[in-house]
Amino acid sequence: MKILSVSPFHDASICVLNDGLIEFFSKEERLTGIKKDYHPFLSLEHALKYGPFDYAVIASPDHTDPAIHFWKVLLSKKLNLSFDNIIDLSQEHHLQHPIQLI
């Protein structure tokens, strides 16, 4: 099972898990040079090369942020996934970090 994990907002990053193993990880600030970059768009473009994906996971430190809906729509279109396959872990933000998923 292949999962794309997105951590938008503070210290944005993208992780691709393939059967529980990290296949790709990118912190947005490493690509843009912007400290604590909030928007992992460049990381997402790199991660798309590892698709197709079975699920996407989003986690924000603020589960009330309206941008979460934007990310659901974006991932649905970019990954060709239904909303049922996009999981919002914002209420459990720290469960989303890659080291804790393994």
PDB file of N, CA and C in Angstrom:
ATOM      1  N   MET A   1       0.835  -1.159   0.000  1.00  0.00           N
ATOM      2  CA  MET A   1       0.000   0.000   0.000  1.00  0.00           C
ATOM      3  C   MET A   1       0.890   1.236   0.000  1.00  0.00           C
ATOM      4  N   LYS A   2       0.579   2.177  -0.855  1.00  0.00           N
ATOM      5  CA  LYS A   2       1.369   3.391  -0.976  1.00  0.00           C
ATOM      6  C   LYS A   2       0.562   4.576  -0.451  1.00  0.00           C
ATOM      7  N   ILE A   3       1.177   5.326   0.475  1.00  0.00           N
ATOM      8  CA  ILE A   3       0.514   6.444   1.141  1.00  0.00           C
ATOM      9  C   ILE A   3       1.349   7.709   0.956  1.00  0.00           C
ATOM     10  N   LEU A   4       0.668   8.782   0.559  1.00  0.00           N
ATOM     11  CA  LEU A   4       1.300  10.097   0.498  1.00  0.00           C
ATOM     12  C   LEU A   4       0.869  10.853   1.745  1.00  0.00           C
ATOM     13  N   SER A   5       1.833  11.255   2.536  1.00  0.00           N
ATOM     14  CA  SER A   5       1.568  11.955   3.785  1.00  0.00           C
ATOM     15  C   SER A   5       1.987  13.415   3.626  1.00  0.00           C
ATOM     16  N   VAL A   6       1.052  14.336   3.902  1.00  0.00           N
ATOM     17  CA  VAL A   6       1.297  15.764   3.724  1.00  0.00           C
ATOM     18  C   VAL A   6       1.175  16.469   5.058  1.00  0.00           C
ATOM     19  N   SER A   7       2.199  17.217   5.399  1.00  0.00           N
ATOM     20  CA  SER A   7       2.159  18.051   6.587  1.00  0.00           C
ATOM     21  C   SER A   7       2.286  19.499   6.136  1.00  0.00           C
ATOM     22  N   PRO A   8       1.156  20.129   5.812  1.00  0.00           N
ATOM     23  CA  PRO A   8       1.218  21.527   5.395  1.00  0.00           C
ATOM     24  C   PRO A   8       1.313  22.431   6.624  1.00  0.00           C
ATOM     25  N   PHE A   9       1.534  23.684   6.387  1.00  0.00           N
ATOM     26  CA  PHE A   9       1.599  24.692   7.440  1.00  0.00           C
ATOM     27  C   PHE A   9       2.994  24.738   8.054  1.00  0.00           C
ATOM     28  N   HIS A  10       3.192  24.771   9.343  1.00  0.00           N
ATOM     29  CA  HIS A  10       4.540  25.000   9.892  1.00  0.00           C
ATOM     30  C   HIS A  10       5.465  23.822   9.587  1.00  0.00           C
ATOM     31  N   ASP A  11       6.676  24.146   9.168  1.00  0.00           N
ATOM     32  CA  ASP A  11       7.661  23.113   8.790  1.00  0.00           C
ATOM     33  C   ASP A  11       7.088  22.076   7.830  1.00  0.00           C
ATOM     34  N   ALA A  12       6.508  22.543   6.756  1.00  0.00           N
ATOM     35  CA  ALA A  12       5.822  21.680   5.791  1.00  0.00           C
ATOM     36  C   ALA A  12       6.739  20.592   5.237  1.00  0.00           C
ATOM     37  N   SER A  13       6.145  19.405   5.049  1.00  0.00           N
ATOM     38  CA  SER A  13       6.903  18.290   4.486  1.00  0.00           C
ATOM     39  C   SER A  13       5.953  17.311   3.805  1.00  0.00           C
ATOM     40  N   ILE A  14       6.550  16.445   3.008  1.00  0.00           N
ATOM     41  CA  ILE A  14       5.825  15.391   2.288  1.00  0.00           C
ATOM     42  C   ILE A  14       6.600  14.095   2.496  1.00  0.00           C
ATOM     43  N   CYS A  15       5.856  13.011   2.704  1.00  0.00           N
ATOM     44  CA  CYS A  15       6.482  11.713   2.863  1.00  0.00           C
ATOM     45  C   CYS A  15       5.699  10.690   2.045  1.00  0.00           C
ATOM     46  N   VAL A  16       6.406   9.797   1.383  1.00  0.00           N
ATOM     47  CA  VAL A  16       5.769   8.685   0.672  1.00  0.00           C
ATOM     48  C   VAL A  16       6.156   7.410   1.405  1.00  0.00           C
ATOM     49  N   LEU A  17       5.137   6.683   1.836  1.00  0.00           N
ATOM     50  CA  LEU A  17       5.343   5.389   2.481  1.00  0.00           C
ATOM     51  C   LEU A  17       4.897   4.287   1.523  1.00  0.00           C
ATOM     52  N   ASN A  18       5.744   3.299   1.359  1.00  0.00           N
ATOM     53  CA  ASN A  18       5.414   2.159   0.515  1.00  0.00           C
ATOM     54  C   ASN A  18       5.508   0.905   1.377  1.00  0.00           C
ATOM     55  N   ASP A  19       4.366   0.328   1.697  1.00  0.00           N
ATOM     56  CA  ASP A  19       4.292  -0.837   2.584  1.00  0.00           C
ATOM     57  C   ASP A  19       5.033  -0.590   3.900  1.00  0.00           C
ATOM     58  N   GLY A  20       4.844   0.620   4.453  1.00  0.00           N
ATOM     59  CA  GLY A  20       5.408   0.948   5.755  1.00  0.00           C
ATOM     60  C   GLY A  20       6.832   1.462   5.741  1.00  0.00           C
ATOM     61  N   LEU A  21       7.475   1.494   4.585  1.00  0.00           N
ATOM     62  CA  LEU A  21       8.847   1.989   4.483  1.00  0.00           C
ATOM     63  C   LEU A  21       8.868   3.348   3.799  1.00  0.00           C
ATOM     64  N   ILE A  22       9.718   4.245   4.292  1.00  0.00           N
ATOM     65  CA  ILE A  22       9.827   5.564   3.672  1.00  0.00           C
ATOM     66  C   ILE A  22      10.525   5.426   2.324  1.00  0.00           C
ATOM     67  N   GLU A  23       9.811   5.826   1.293  1.00  0.00           N
ATOM     68  CA  GLU A  23      10.357   5.785  -0.061  1.00  0.00           C
ATOM     69  C   GLU A  23      10.844   7.180  -0.489  1.00  0.00           C
ATOM     70  N   PHE A  24      10.220   8.210   0.072  1.00  0.00           N
ATOM     71  CA  PHE A  24      10.587   9.584  -0.253  1.00  0.00           C
ATOM     72  C   PHE A  24      10.196  10.472   0.916  1.00  0.00           C
ATOM     73  N   PHE A  25      11.054  11.465   1.235  1.00  0.00           N
ATOM     74  CA  PHE A  25      10.723  12.463   2.240  1.00  0.00           C
ATOM     75  C   PHE A  25      11.364  13.773   1.820  1.00  0.00           C
ATOM     76  N   SER A  26      10.613  14.851   1.950  1.00  0.00           N
ATOM     77  CA  SER A  26      11.147  16.158   1.609  1.00  0.00           C
ATOM     78  C   SER A  26      10.559  17.216   2.522  1.00  0.00           C
ATOM     79  N   LYS A  27      11.432  18.043   3.067  1.00  0.00           N
ATOM     80  CA  LYS A  27      11.016  19.188   3.850  1.00  0.00           C
ATOM     81  C   LYS A  27      11.053  20.404   2.924  1.00  0.00           C
ATOM     82  N   GLU A  28       9.948  21.109   2.844  1.00  0.00           N
ATOM     83  CA  GLU A  28       9.815  22.195   1.866  1.00  0.00           C
ATOM     84  C   GLU A  28      10.899  23.265   2.013  1.00  0.00           C
ATOM     85  N   GLU A  29      11.271  23.600   3.228  1.00  0.00           N
ATOM     86  CA  GLU A  29      12.256  24.669   3.411  1.00  0.00           C
ATOM     87  C   GLU A  29      13.612  24.319   2.804  1.00  0.00           C
ATOM     88  N   ARG A  30      13.887  23.023   2.641  1.00  0.00           N
ATOM     89  CA  ARG A  30      15.151  22.601   2.005  1.00  0.00           C
ATOM     90  C   ARG A  30      15.141  22.927   0.515  1.00  0.00           C
ATOM     91  N   LEU A  31      13.948  22.949  -0.075  1.00  0.00           N
ATOM     92  CA  LEU A  31      13.828  23.240  -1.508  1.00  0.00           C
ATOM     93  C   LEU A  31      13.692  24.723  -1.802  1.00  0.00           C
ATOM     94  N   THR A  32      13.038  25.457  -0.909  1.00  0.00           N
ATOM     95  CA  THR A  32      12.773  26.874  -1.170  1.00  0.00           C
ATOM     96  C   THR A  32      13.737  27.821  -0.472  1.00  0.00           C
ATOM     97  N   GLY A  33      14.388  27.346   0.581  1.00  0.00           N
ATOM     98  CA  GLY A  33      15.259  28.212   1.359  1.00  0.00           C
ATOM     99  C   GLY A  33      14.491  29.151   2.278  1.00  0.00           C
ATOM    100  N   ILE A  34      13.171  28.939   2.398  1.00  0.00           N
ATOM    101  CA  ILE A  34      12.330  29.767   3.256  1.00  0.00           C
ATOM    102  C   ILE A  34      12.127  29.030   4.574  1.00  0.00           C
ATOM    103  N   LYS A  35      12.657  29.589   5.649  1.00  0.00           N
ATOM    104  CA  LYS A  35      12.549  28.959   6.972  1.00  0.00           C
ATOM    105  C   LYS A  35      11.086  28.745   7.338  1.00  0.00           C
ATOM    106  N   LYS A  36      10.772  27.527   7.798  1.00  0.00           N
ATOM    107  CA  LYS A  36       9.420  27.129   8.212  1.00  0.00           C
ATOM    108  C   LYS A  36       8.376  27.351   7.116  1.00  0.00           C
ATOM    109  N   ASP A  37       8.759  27.091   5.861  1.00  0.00           N
ATOM    110  CA  ASP A  37       7.845  27.236   4.727  1.00  0.00           C
ATOM    111  C   ASP A  37       6.562  26.460   4.996  1.00  0.00           C
ATOM    112  N   TYR A  38       5.438  27.092   4.795  1.00  0.00           N
ATOM    113  CA  TYR A  38       4.141  26.515   5.135  1.00  0.00           C
ATOM    114  C   TYR A  38       3.498  25.707   4.018  1.00  0.00           C
ATOM    115  N   HIS A  39       3.975  25.821   2.811  1.00  0.00           N
ATOM    116  CA  HIS A  39       3.263  25.257   1.660  1.00  0.00           C
ATOM    117  C   HIS A  39       4.144  24.282   0.880  1.00  0.00           C
ATOM    118  N   PRO A  40       3.956  22.979   1.038  1.00  0.00           N
ATOM    119  CA  PRO A  40       4.857  21.991   0.423  1.00  0.00           C
ATOM    120  C   PRO A  40       4.553  21.677  -1.047  1.00  0.00           C
ATOM    121  N   PHE A  41       4.430  22.710  -1.861  1.00  0.00           N
ATOM    122  CA  PHE A  41       4.089  22.497  -3.265  1.00  0.00           C
ATOM    123  C   PHE A  41       5.237  21.874  -4.059  1.00  0.00           C
ATOM    124  N   LEU A  42       6.466  22.327  -3.846  1.00  0.00           N
ATOM    125  CA  LEU A  42       7.600  21.736  -4.569  1.00  0.00           C
ATOM    126  C   LEU A  42       7.838  20.294  -4.130  1.00  0.00           C
ATOM    127  N   SER A  43       7.709  20.043  -2.833  1.00  0.00           N
ATOM    128  CA  SER A  43       7.860  18.674  -2.327  1.00  0.00           C
ATOM    129  C   SER A  43       6.796  17.757  -2.917  1.00  0.00           C
ATOM    130  N   LEU A  44       5.585  18.270  -3.052  1.00  0.00           N
ATOM    131  CA  LEU A  44       4.498  17.481  -3.638  1.00  0.00           C
ATOM    132  C   LEU A  44       4.821  17.108  -5.083  1.00  0.00           C
ATOM    133  N   GLU A  45       5.340  18.058  -5.842  1.00  0.00           N
ATOM    134  CA  GLU A  45       5.675  17.764  -7.243  1.00  0.00           C
ATOM    135  C   GLU A  45       6.712  16.649  -7.337  1.00  0.00           C
ATOM    136  N   HIS A  46       7.696  16.650  -6.458  1.00  0.00           N
ATOM    137  CA  HIS A  46       8.704  15.578  -6.443  1.00  0.00           C
ATOM    138  C   HIS A  46       8.068  14.243  -6.031  1.00  0.00           C
ATOM    139  N   ALA A  47       7.175  14.278  -5.057  1.00  0.00           N
ATOM    140  CA  ALA A  47       6.557  13.055  -4.534  1.00  0.00           C
ATOM    141  C   ALA A  47       5.632  12.395  -5.559  1.00  0.00           C
ATOM    142  N   LEU A  48       5.041  13.175  -6.438  1.00  0.00           N
ATOM    143  CA  LEU A  48       4.109  12.615  -7.426  1.00  0.00           C
ATOM    144  C   LEU A  48       4.777  11.575  -8.322  1.00  0.00           C
ATOM    145  N   LYS A  49       6.085  11.664  -8.457  1.00  0.00           N
ATOM    146  CA  LYS A  49       6.832  10.699  -9.281  1.00  0.00           C
ATOM    147  C   LYS A  49       6.770   9.284  -8.699  1.00  0.00           C
ATOM    148  N   TYR A  50       6.411   9.175  -7.418  1.00  0.00           N
ATOM    149  CA  TYR A  50       6.382   7.879  -6.734  1.00  0.00           C
ATOM    150  C   TYR A  50       5.003   7.225  -6.763  1.00  0.00           C
ATOM    151  N   GLY A  51       4.023   7.864  -7.400  1.00  0.00           N
ATOM    152  CA  GLY A  51       2.654   7.346  -7.446  1.00  0.00           C
ATOM    153  C   GLY A  51       2.543   6.148  -8.353  1.00  0.00           C
ATOM    154  N   PRO A  52       1.375   5.584  -8.472  1.00  0.00           N
ATOM    155  CA  PRO A  52       0.085   6.000  -7.914  1.00  0.00           C
ATOM    156  C   PRO A  52      -0.023   5.673  -6.420  1.00  0.00           C
ATOM    157  N   PHE A  53      -0.944   6.364  -5.772  1.00  0.00           N
ATOM    158  CA  PHE A  53      -1.120   6.241  -4.328  1.00  0.00           C
ATOM    159  C   PHE A  53      -2.478   5.638  -3.997  1.00  0.00           C
ATOM    160  N   ASP A  54      -2.498   4.845  -2.924  1.00  0.00           N
ATOM    161  CA  ASP A  54      -3.749   4.265  -2.446  1.00  0.00           C
ATOM    162  C   ASP A  54      -4.482   5.228  -1.510  1.00  0.00           C
ATOM    163  N   TYR A  55      -3.715   5.960  -0.716  1.00  0.00           N
ATOM    164  CA  TYR A  55      -4.280   6.901   0.254  1.00  0.00           C
ATOM    165  C   TYR A  55      -3.404   8.133   0.355  1.00  0.00           C
ATOM    166  N   ALA A  56      -4.011   9.207   0.843  1.00  0.00           N
ATOM    167  CA  ALA A  56      -3.266  10.406   1.221  1.00  0.00           C
ATOM    168  C   ALA A  56      -3.677  10.747   2.645  1.00  0.00           C
ATOM    169  N   VAL A  57      -2.722  11.252   3.406  1.00  0.00           N
ATOM    170  CA  VAL A  57      -2.962  11.637   4.795  1.00  0.00           C
ATOM    171  C   VAL A  57      -2.536  13.094   4.933  1.00  0.00           C
ATOM    172  N   ILE A  58      -3.393  13.889   5.565  1.00  0.00           N
ATOM    173  CA  ILE A  58      -3.090  15.300   5.811  1.00  0.00           C
ATOM    174  C   ILE A  58      -3.131  15.532   7.312  1.00  0.00           C
ATOM    175  N   ALA A  59      -2.175  16.307   7.812  1.00  0.00           N
ATOM    176  CA  ALA A  59      -2.218  16.675   9.229  1.00  0.00           C
ATOM    177  C   ALA A  59      -1.722  18.096   9.380  1.00  0.00           C
ATOM    178  N   SER A  60      -2.536  18.877  10.014  1.00  0.00           N
ATOM    179  CA  SER A  60      -2.191  20.255  10.323  1.00  0.00           C
ATOM    180  C   SER A  60      -2.202  20.404  11.831  1.00  0.00           C
ATOM    181  N   PRO A  61      -1.397  21.301  12.370  1.00  0.00           N
ATOM    182  CA  PRO A  61      -1.457  21.521  13.816  1.00  0.00           C
ATOM    183  C   PRO A  61      -2.773  22.174  14.243  1.00  0.00           C
ATOM    184  N   ASP A  62      -3.513  22.715  13.278  1.00  0.00           N
ATOM    185  CA  ASP A  62      -4.780  23.377  13.588  1.00  0.00           C
ATOM    186  C   ASP A  62      -5.899  22.717  12.800  1.00  0.00           C
ATOM    187  N   HIS A  63      -6.668  21.842  13.442  1.00  0.00           N
ATOM    188  CA  HIS A  63      -7.712  21.103  12.735  1.00  0.00           C
ATOM    189  C   HIS A  63      -8.878  21.982  12.293  1.00  0.00           C
ATOM    190  N   THR A  64      -8.906  23.243  12.714  1.00  0.00           N
ATOM    191  CA  THR A  64      -9.983  24.141  12.288  1.00  0.00           C
ATOM    192  C   THR A  64      -9.577  24.985  11.087  1.00  0.00           C
ATOM    193  N   ASP A  65      -8.346  24.845  10.613  1.00  0.00           N
ATOM    194  CA  ASP A  65      -7.860  25.661   9.508  1.00  0.00           C
ATOM    195  C   ASP A  65      -8.637  25.340   8.224  1.00  0.00           C
ATOM    196  N   PRO A  66      -9.234  26.352   7.574  1.00  0.00           N
ATOM    197  CA  PRO A  66     -10.002  26.097   6.348  1.00  0.00           C
ATOM    198  C   PRO A  66      -9.134  25.618   5.188  1.00  0.00           C
ATOM    199  N   ALA A  67      -7.810  25.796   5.269  1.00  0.00           N
ATOM    200  CA  ALA A  67      -6.927  25.342   4.193  1.00  0.00           C
ATOM    201  C   ALA A  67      -6.897  23.819   4.078  1.00  0.00           C
ATOM    202  N   ILE A  68      -7.345  23.113   5.095  1.00  0.00           N
ATOM    203  CA  ILE A  68      -7.371  21.651   5.021  1.00  0.00           C
ATOM    204  C   ILE A  68      -8.269  21.202   3.872  1.00  0.00           C
ATOM    205  N   HIS A  69      -9.388  21.892   3.693  1.00  0.00           N
ATOM    206  CA  HIS A  69     -10.279  21.552   2.580  1.00  0.00           C
ATOM    207  C   HIS A  69      -9.574  21.774   1.243  1.00  0.00           C
ATOM    208  N   PHE A  70      -8.806  22.853   1.139  1.00  0.00           N
ATOM    209  CA  PHE A  70      -8.031  23.110  -0.077  1.00  0.00           C
ATOM    210  C   PHE A  70      -7.105  21.925  -0.375  1.00  0.00           C
ATOM    211  N   TRP A  71      -6.407  21.424   0.655  1.00  0.00           N
ATOM    212  CA  TRP A  71      -5.488  20.308   0.464  1.00  0.00           C
ATOM    213  C   TRP A  71      -6.222  19.039   0.068  1.00  0.00           C
ATOM    214  N   LYS A  72      -7.407  18.820   0.619  1.00  0.00           N
ATOM    215  CA  LYS A  72      -8.187  17.638   0.220  1.00  0.00           C
ATOM    216  C   LYS A  72      -8.548  17.702  -1.255  1.00  0.00           C
ATOM    217  N   VAL A  73      -8.991  18.860  -1.700  1.00  0.00           N
ATOM    218  CA  VAL A  73      -9.358  19.019  -3.113  1.00  0.00           C
ATOM    219  C   VAL A  73      -8.127  18.880  -3.998  1.00  0.00           C
ATOM    220  N   LEU A  74      -7.031  19.541  -3.631  1.00  0.00           N
ATOM    221  CA  LEU A  74      -5.803  19.462  -4.420  1.00  0.00           C
ATOM    222  C   LEU A  74      -5.312  18.025  -4.546  1.00  0.00           C
ATOM    223  N   LEU A  75      -5.242  17.309  -3.428  1.00  0.00           N
ATOM    224  CA  LEU A  75      -4.763  15.922  -3.466  1.00  0.00           C
ATOM    225  C   LEU A  75      -5.712  15.016  -4.220  1.00  0.00           C
ATOM    226  N   SER A  76      -6.995  15.258  -4.080  1.00  0.00           N
ATOM    227  CA  SER A  76      -7.978  14.465  -4.820  1.00  0.00           C
ATOM    228  C   SER A  76      -7.737  14.582  -6.320  1.00  0.00           C
ATOM    229  N   LYS A  77      -7.489  15.785  -6.783  1.00  0.00           N
ATOM    230  CA  LYS A  77      -7.267  16.007  -8.217  1.00  0.00           C
ATOM    231  C   LYS A  77      -5.886  15.528  -8.661  1.00  0.00           C
ATOM    232  N   LYS A  78      -4.845  15.857  -7.896  1.00  0.00           N
ATOM    233  CA  LYS A  78      -3.476  15.489  -8.292  1.00  0.00           C
ATOM    234  C   LYS A  78      -3.245  13.978  -8.246  1.00  0.00           C
ATOM    235  N   LEU A  79      -3.856  13.312  -7.258  1.00  0.00           N
ATOM    236  CA  LEU A  79      -3.609  11.881  -7.065  1.00  0.00           C
ATOM    237  C   LEU A  79      -4.709  11.002  -7.642  1.00  0.00           C
ATOM    238  N   ASN A  80      -5.758  11.638  -8.148  1.00  0.00           N
ATOM    239  CA  ASN A  80      -6.914  10.914  -8.670  1.00  0.00           C
ATOM    240  C   ASN A  80      -7.497   9.984  -7.599  1.00  0.00           C
ATOM    241  N   LEU A  81      -7.705  10.542  -6.400  1.00  0.00           N
ATOM    242  CA  LEU A  81      -8.267   9.799  -5.274  1.00  0.00           C
ATOM    243  C   LEU A  81      -9.619  10.376  -4.888  1.00  0.00           C
ATOM    244  N   SER A  82     -10.498   9.516  -4.399  1.00  0.00           N
ATOM    245  CA  SER A  82     -11.768  10.009  -3.856  1.00  0.00           C
ATOM    246  C   SER A  82     -11.505  10.597  -2.470  1.00  0.00           C
ATOM    247  N   PHE A  83     -12.436  11.413  -1.995  1.00  0.00           N
ATOM    248  CA  PHE A  83     -12.298  11.994  -0.659  1.00  0.00           C
ATOM    249  C   PHE A  83     -12.249  10.905   0.410  1.00  0.00           C
ATOM    250  N   ASP A  84     -12.839   9.745   0.150  1.00  0.00           N
ATOM    251  CA  ASP A  84     -12.794   8.634   1.107  1.00  0.00           C
ATOM    252  C   ASP A  84     -11.371   8.124   1.325  1.00  0.00           C
ATOM    253  N   ASN A  85     -10.501   8.345   0.346  1.00  0.00           N
ATOM    254  CA  ASN A  85      -9.123   7.869   0.438  1.00  0.00           C
ATOM    255  C   ASN A  85      -8.155   8.959   0.891  1.00  0.00           C
ATOM    256  N   ILE A  86      -8.702  10.087   1.329  1.00  0.00           N
ATOM    257  CA  ILE A  86      -7.881  11.172   1.863  1.00  0.00           C
ATOM    258  C   ILE A  86      -8.244  11.346   3.327  1.00  0.00           C
ATOM    259  N   ILE A  87      -7.303  11.056   4.185  1.00  0.00           N
ATOM    260  CA  ILE A  87      -7.555  11.010   5.628  1.00  0.00           C
ATOM    261  C   ILE A  87      -6.995  12.264   6.286  1.00  0.00           C
ATOM    262  N   ASP A  88      -7.833  12.922   7.063  1.00  0.00           N
ATOM    263  CA  ASP A  88      -7.422  14.122   7.792  1.00  0.00           C
ATOM    264  C   ASP A  88      -7.081  13.728   9.221  1.00  0.00           C
ATOM    265  N   LEU A  89      -5.800  13.786   9.546  1.00  0.00           N
ATOM    266  CA  LEU A  89      -5.340  13.464  10.895  1.00  0.00           C
ATOM    267  C   LEU A  89      -5.038  14.713  11.711  1.00  0.00           C
ATOM    268  N   SER A  90      -5.606  15.837  11.319  1.00  0.00           N
ATOM    269  CA  SER A  90      -5.280  17.090  11.983  1.00  0.00           C
ATOM    270  C   SER A  90      -5.610  17.081  13.468  1.00  0.00           C
ATOM    271  N   GLN A  91      -6.619  16.340  13.849  1.00  0.00           N
ATOM    272  CA  GLN A  91      -6.946  16.263  15.272  1.00  0.00           C
ATOM    273  C   GLN A  91      -5.878  15.472  16.023  1.00  0.00           C
ATOM    274  N   GLU A  92      -5.151  14.636  15.310  1.00  0.00           N
ATOM    275  CA  GLU A  92      -4.064  13.828  15.890  1.00  0.00           C
ATOM    276  C   GLU A  92      -2.778  14.148  15.144  1.00  0.00           C
ATOM    277  N   HIS A  93      -2.426  15.412  15.093  1.00  0.00           N
ATOM    278  CA  HIS A  93      -1.329  15.900  14.267  1.00  0.00           C
ATOM    279  C   HIS A  93      -0.030  15.098  14.418  1.00  0.00           C
ATOM    280  N   HIS A  94       0.369  14.774  15.612  1.00  0.00           N
ATOM    281  CA  HIS A  94       1.663  14.119  15.790  1.00  0.00           C
ATOM    282  C   HIS A  94       1.674  12.660  15.334  1.00  0.00           C
ATOM    283  N   LEU A  95       0.516  12.066  15.105  1.00  0.00           N
ATOM    284  CA  LEU A  95       0.479  10.710  14.542  1.00  0.00           C
ATOM    285  C   LEU A  95       0.901  10.707  13.079  1.00  0.00           C
ATOM    286  N   GLN A  96       0.859  11.854  12.457  1.00  0.00           N
ATOM    287  CA  GLN A  96       1.141  11.945  11.035  1.00  0.00           C
ATOM    288  C   GLN A  96       2.631  11.988  10.732  1.00  0.00           C
ATOM    289  N   HIS A  97       3.459  12.362  11.674  1.00  0.00           N
ATOM    290  CA  HIS A  97       4.885  12.480  11.392  1.00  0.00           C
ATOM    291  C   HIS A  97       5.449  11.133  10.936  1.00  0.00           C
ATOM    292  N   PRO A  98       6.277  11.125   9.891  1.00  0.00           N
ATOM    293  CA  PRO A  98       6.738   9.873   9.289  1.00  0.00           C
ATOM    294  C   PRO A  98       7.384   8.899  10.255  1.00  0.00           C
ATOM    295  N   ILE A  99       8.190   9.359  11.156  1.00  0.00           N
ATOM    296  CA  ILE A  99       8.891   8.440  12.066  1.00  0.00           C
ATOM    297  C   ILE A  99       7.896   7.690  12.939  1.00  0.00           C
ATOM    298  N   GLN A 100       6.749   8.303  13.211  1.00  0.00           N
ATOM    299  CA  GLN A 100       5.759   7.666  14.075  1.00  0.00           C
ATOM    300  C   GLN A 100       4.825   6.749  13.301  1.00  0.00           C
ATOM    301  N   LEU A 101       4.827   6.832  11.965  1.00  0.00           N
ATOM    302  CA  LEU A 101       3.970   5.970  11.161  1.00  0.00           C
ATOM    303  C   LEU A 101       4.594   4.591  10.958  1.00  0.00           C
ATOM    304  N   ILE A 102       5.879   4.484  11.161  1.00  0.00           N
ATOM    305  CA  ILE A 102       6.564   3.217  10.885  1.00  0.00           C
ATOM    306  C   ILE A 102       6.536   2.298  12.082  1.00  0.00           C
TER     307      ILE A 102
END
